[in-house]
Amino acid sequence: MNWDIVEGNWKQFKGKVKAQWAKLTDDHLDVIAGRRDELLGKVQETYGVTKDEAEAQIKRFEELNRDTTPRSPS
């Protein structure tokens, strides 16, 4: 998963992130704004997991969504 693409198309990816980590609020998602390092920190903080566990969760998310391509704006 290319996080530069995710960041550039954050509105389209927010739903996938929210589906994976339902405890993340809209405010969290606004702070994350498609940046992987911010997501890592928010997952750690919100779910009370270690950095390694948060990293593992994000890697699984990336694998599940590796073929996701943003839709072109209409």
Protein backbone atom coordinates (compact mmCIF):
# COMPACT_ATOMS: atom_id res chain seq x y z
CA MET A 1 0.00 0.00 0.00
CA ASN A 2 1.41 3.36 -1.02
CA TRP A 3 0.77 5.79 1.83
CA ASP A 4 1.43 8.79 -0.43
CA ILE A 5 -1.64 7.70 -2.40
CA VAL A 6 -3.59 7.09 0.81
CA GLU A 7 -2.71 10.55 2.08
CA GLY A 8 -3.70 12.16 -1.22
CA ASN A 9 -7.03 10.30 -1.24
CA TRP A 10 -7.71 10.25 2.48
CA LYS A 11 -11.44 10.89 2.19
CA GLN A 12 -11.80 7.66 0.22
CA PHE A 13 -9.66 5.62 2.64
CA LYS A 14 -11.09 6.94 5.91
CA GLY A 15 -14.00 4.52 5.76
CA LYS A 16 -11.69 1.53 5.47
CA VAL A 17 -9.63 2.73 8.42
CA LYS A 18 -12.78 3.38 10.47
CA ALA A 19 -14.08 -0.11 9.62
CA GLN A 20 -10.80 -1.66 10.80
CA TRP A 21 -10.39 0.46 13.94
CA ALA A 22 -13.91 1.46 15.01
CA LYS A 23 -12.74 3.16 18.21
CA LEU A 24 -10.97 5.86 16.18
CA THR A 25 -13.07 9.01 16.18
CA ASP A 26 -13.57 11.45 13.33
CA ASP A 27 -11.19 13.78 15.18
CA HIS A 28 -8.55 11.02 15.23
CA LEU A 29 -9.08 10.45 11.51
CA ASP A 30 -8.66 14.17 10.84
CA VAL A 31 -5.34 14.15 12.73
CA ILE A 32 -4.16 10.98 10.95
CA ALA A 33 -4.96 12.51 7.54
CA GLY A 34 -3.51 9.53 5.68
CA ARG A 35 -0.15 9.52 7.43
CA ARG A 36 0.95 6.04 8.47
CA ASP A 37 2.98 7.22 11.47
CA GLU A 38 -0.03 9.10 12.83
CA LEU A 39 -2.21 6.01 12.38
CA LEU A 40 0.37 3.95 14.23
CA GLY A 41 0.34 6.34 17.18
CA LYS A 42 -3.45 6.59 17.33
CA VAL A 43 -3.90 2.82 17.20
CA GLN A 44 -1.39 2.44 20.06
CA GLU A 45 -3.03 5.17 22.11
CA THR A 46 -6.66 4.26 21.48
CA TYR A 47 -6.36 0.49 21.78
CA GLY A 48 -3.63 0.41 24.44
CA VAL A 49 -1.36 -1.84 22.41
CA THR A 50 2.39 -1.85 21.97
CA LYS A 51 4.07 -0.26 18.99
CA ASP A 52 4.85 -3.73 17.64
CA GLU A 53 1.21 -4.83 17.91
CA ALA A 54 -0.02 -1.62 16.25
CA GLU A 55 2.55 -2.16 13.49
CA ALA A 56 1.33 -5.74 13.00
CA GLN A 57 -2.29 -4.55 12.77
CA ILE A 58 -1.37 -1.92 10.18
CA LYS A 59 0.60 -4.46 8.14
CA ARG A 60 -2.46 -6.75 8.11
CA PHE A 61 -4.59 -3.79 7.03
CA GLU A 62 -2.13 -3.02 4.24
CA GLU A 63 -2.22 -6.63 3.04
CA LEU A 64 -6.02 -6.67 3.00
CA ASN A 65 -6.13 -3.39 1.08
CA ARG A 66 -3.05 -3.70 -1.14
CA ASP A 67 -5.14 -3.82 -4.30
CA THR A 68 -7.29 -0.87 -3.33
CA THR A 69 -7.04 1.97 -5.77
CA PRO A 70 -8.77 5.27 -5.22
CA ARG A 71 -11.75 6.11 -7.35
CA SER A 72 -11.41 8.97 -9.76
CA PRO A 73 -13.45 12.00 -8.77
CA SER A 74 -16.56 12.32 -10.89
